[in-house]
C-alpha atoms as a PDB file:
ATOM      1  CA  MET A   1       2.710  44.367 -20.076  1.00  0.00           C
ATOM      2  CA  SER A   2       4.759  41.284 -19.515  1.00  0.00           C
ATOM      3  CA  GLU A   3       3.696  39.333 -16.461  1.00  0.00           C
ATOM      4  CA  SER A   4       6.149  37.207 -14.581  1.00  0.00           C
ATOM      5  CA  GLY A   5       4.411  34.036 -13.494  1.00  0.00           C
ATOM      6  CA  PRO A   6       0.848  32.818 -13.446  1.00  0.00           C
ATOM      7  CA  ALA A   7      -2.150  34.924 -12.576  1.00  0.00           C
ATOM      8  CA  PRO A   8      -3.201  35.132  -8.910  1.00  0.00           C
ATOM      9  CA  GLU A   9      -6.210  32.864  -9.493  1.00  0.00           C
ATOM     10  CA  SER A  10      -4.092  30.098 -10.962  1.00  0.00           C
ATOM     11  CA  ARG A  11      -1.537  30.437  -8.141  1.00  0.00           C
ATOM     12  CA  ARG A  12      -4.353  30.003  -5.641  1.00  0.00           C
ATOM     13  CA  LEU A  13      -5.565  26.914  -7.524  1.00  0.00           C
ATOM     14  CA  ILE A  14      -2.059  25.412  -7.543  1.00  0.00           C
ATOM     15  CA  ASN A  15      -1.697  26.012  -3.806  1.00  0.00           C
ATOM     16  CA  SER A  16      -5.086  24.468  -3.060  1.00  0.00           C
ATOM     17  CA  ARG A  17      -4.137  21.380  -5.084  1.00  0.00           C
ATOM     18  CA  ARG A  18      -0.935  21.041  -3.100  1.00  0.00           C
ATOM     19  CA  GLU A  19      -2.910  21.326   0.122  1.00  0.00           C
ATOM     20  CA  LEU A  20      -5.167  18.479  -1.041  1.00  0.00           C
ATOM     21  CA  ILE A  21      -2.352  16.239  -2.274  1.00  0.00           C
ATOM     22  CA  ARG A  22      -0.385  16.243   0.982  1.00  0.00           C
ATOM     23  CA  PRO A  23      -3.138  14.669   3.142  1.00  0.00           C
ATOM     24  CA  SER A  24      -3.911  12.165   0.377  1.00  0.00           C
ATOM     25  CA  LEU A  25      -0.274  11.086   0.236  1.00  0.00           C
ATOM     26  CA  LEU A  26      -0.133  10.868   4.017  1.00  0.00           C
ATOM     27  CA  LEU A  27      -3.230   8.669   4.040  1.00  0.00           C
ATOM     28  CA  ALA A  28      -1.765   6.443   1.321  1.00  0.00           C
ATOM     29  CA  LEU A  29       1.473   6.133   3.311  1.00  0.00           C
ATOM     30  CA  MET A  30      -0.425   5.191   6.476  1.00  0.00           C
ATOM     31  CA  THR A  31      -2.376   2.599   4.487  1.00  0.00           C
ATOM     32  CA  VAL A  32       0.802   1.029   3.126  1.00  0.00           C
ATOM     33  CA  ILE A  33       2.389   0.914   6.586  1.00  0.00           C
ATOM     34  CA  ASN A  34      -0.756  -0.632   8.069  1.00  0.00           C
ATOM     35  CA  LEU A  35      -0.858  -3.221   5.295  1.00  0.00           C
ATOM     36  CA  ALA A  36       2.782  -4.117   5.926  1.00  0.00           C
ATOM     37  CA  HIS A  37       2.000  -4.695   9.599  1.00  0.00           C
ATOM     38  CA  VAL A  38      -0.984  -6.874   8.740  1.00  0.00           C
ATOM     39  CA  ILE A  39       1.128  -8.967   6.359  1.00  0.00           C
ATOM     40  CA  LEU A  40       3.869  -9.402   8.954  1.00  0.00           C
ATOM     41  CA  ALA A  41       1.326 -10.404  11.578  1.00  0.00           C
ATOM     42  CA  ARG A  42      -0.255 -12.967   9.258  1.00  0.00           C
ATOM     43  CA  VAL A  43       3.105 -14.513   8.384  1.00  0.00           C
ATOM     44  CA  GLY A  44       4.028 -14.634  12.063  1.00  0.00           C
ATOM     45  CA  ALA A  45       0.746 -16.307  12.903  1.00  0.00           C
ATOM     46  CA  ARG A  46       1.198 -18.874  10.137  1.00  0.00           C
ATOM     47  CA  ARG A  47       4.629 -20.064  11.307  1.00  0.00           C
ATOM     48  CA  HIS A  48       3.050 -23.031  13.047  1.00  0.00           C
ATOM     49  CA  ALA A  49       1.111 -23.948   9.897  1.00  0.00           C
ATOM     50  CA  PHE A  50       4.298 -23.580   7.845  1.00  0.00           C
ATOM     51  CA  ALA A  51       6.139 -25.903  10.216  1.00  0.00           C
ATOM     52  CA  ILE A  52       3.397 -28.524   9.864  1.00  0.00           C
ATOM     53  CA  GLN A  53       3.353 -28.208   6.075  1.00  0.00           C
ATOM     54  CA  ARG A  54       7.152 -28.474   6.003  1.00  0.00           C
ATOM     55  CA  ALA A  55       7.009 -31.628   8.156  1.00  0.00           C
ATOM     56  CA  LEU A  56       4.460 -33.108   5.766  1.00  0.00           C
ATOM     57  CA  GLY A  57       6.803 -32.549   2.828  1.00  0.00           C
ATOM     58  CA  ALA A  58       5.906 -29.159   1.356  1.00  0.00           C
ATOM     59  CA  GLY A  59       8.857 -27.560  -0.361  1.00  0.00           C
ATOM     60  CA  SER A  60      10.090 -24.043   0.188  1.00  0.00           C
ATOM     61  CA  GLY A  61       8.676 -23.030  -3.202  1.00  0.00           C
ATOM     62  CA  ARG A  62       5.209 -24.132  -2.128  1.00  0.00           C
ATOM     63  CA  LEU A  63       5.467 -22.176   1.130  1.00  0.00           C
ATOM     64  CA  PHE A  64       6.732 -19.131  -0.756  1.00  0.00           C
ATOM     65  CA  LEU A  65       3.820 -19.364  -3.192  1.00  0.00           C
ATOM     66  CA  ALA A  66       1.316 -19.584  -0.335  1.00  0.00           C
ATOM     67  CA  THR A  67       2.854 -16.503   1.309  1.00  0.00           C
ATOM     68  CA  LEU A  68       2.898 -14.634  -2.000  1.00  0.00           C
ATOM     69  CA  LEU A  69      -0.763 -15.394  -2.673  1.00  0.00           C
ATOM     70  CA  ASP A  70      -1.738 -14.229   0.823  1.00  0.00           C
ATOM     71  CA  THR A  71       0.184 -11.017   0.303  1.00  0.00           C
ATOM     72  CA  VAL A  72      -1.369 -10.344  -3.100  1.00  0.00           C
ATOM     73  CA  ALA A  73      -4.840 -11.097  -1.736  1.00  0.00           C
ATOM     74  CA  LEU A  74      -4.308  -8.384   0.871  1.00  0.00           C
ATOM     75  CA  ALA A  75      -2.390  -5.875  -1.242  1.00  0.00           C
ATOM     76  CA  LEU A  76      -4.481  -5.841  -4.412  1.00  0.00           C
ATOM     77  CA  PRO A  77      -7.759  -4.550  -2.923  1.00  0.00           C
ATOM     78  CA  SER A  78      -5.817  -2.025  -0.850  1.00  0.00           C
ATOM     79  CA  ALA A  79      -3.957  -0.790  -3.918  1.00  0.00           C
ATOM     80  CA  VAL A  80      -7.217  -0.401  -5.826  1.00  0.00           C
ATOM     81  CA  LEU A  81      -8.746   1.607  -2.986  1.00  0.00           C
ATOM     82  CA  VAL A  82      -5.700   3.868  -2.741  1.00  0.00           C
ATOM     83  CA  CYS A  83      -5.782   4.502  -6.499  1.00  0.00           C
ATOM     84  CA  LEU A  84      -9.457   5.429  -6.350  1.00  0.00           C
ATOM     85  CA  LEU A  85      -8.913   7.766  -3.389  1.00  0.00           C
ATOM     86  CA  PRO A  86      -7.647  10.932  -5.120  1.00  0.00           C
END
């Protein structure tokens, strides 16, 4: 009485988990792509502000830090939401 493979109930459970994981991963991917677009749009919109800050003497490190903080402020809540999703 040696069975090859899991019982039919467990195979059904594995398949249903796979069916639930795929849409969750797709939603997470769409969220990451949307976040990347938002970050790019914000940086593009801030070019004028960066030019003014640069003219007033802000260094490239300061501008990089401002961009990094903006990115983290957007990415961190999104990452938390994606982790809580599944």
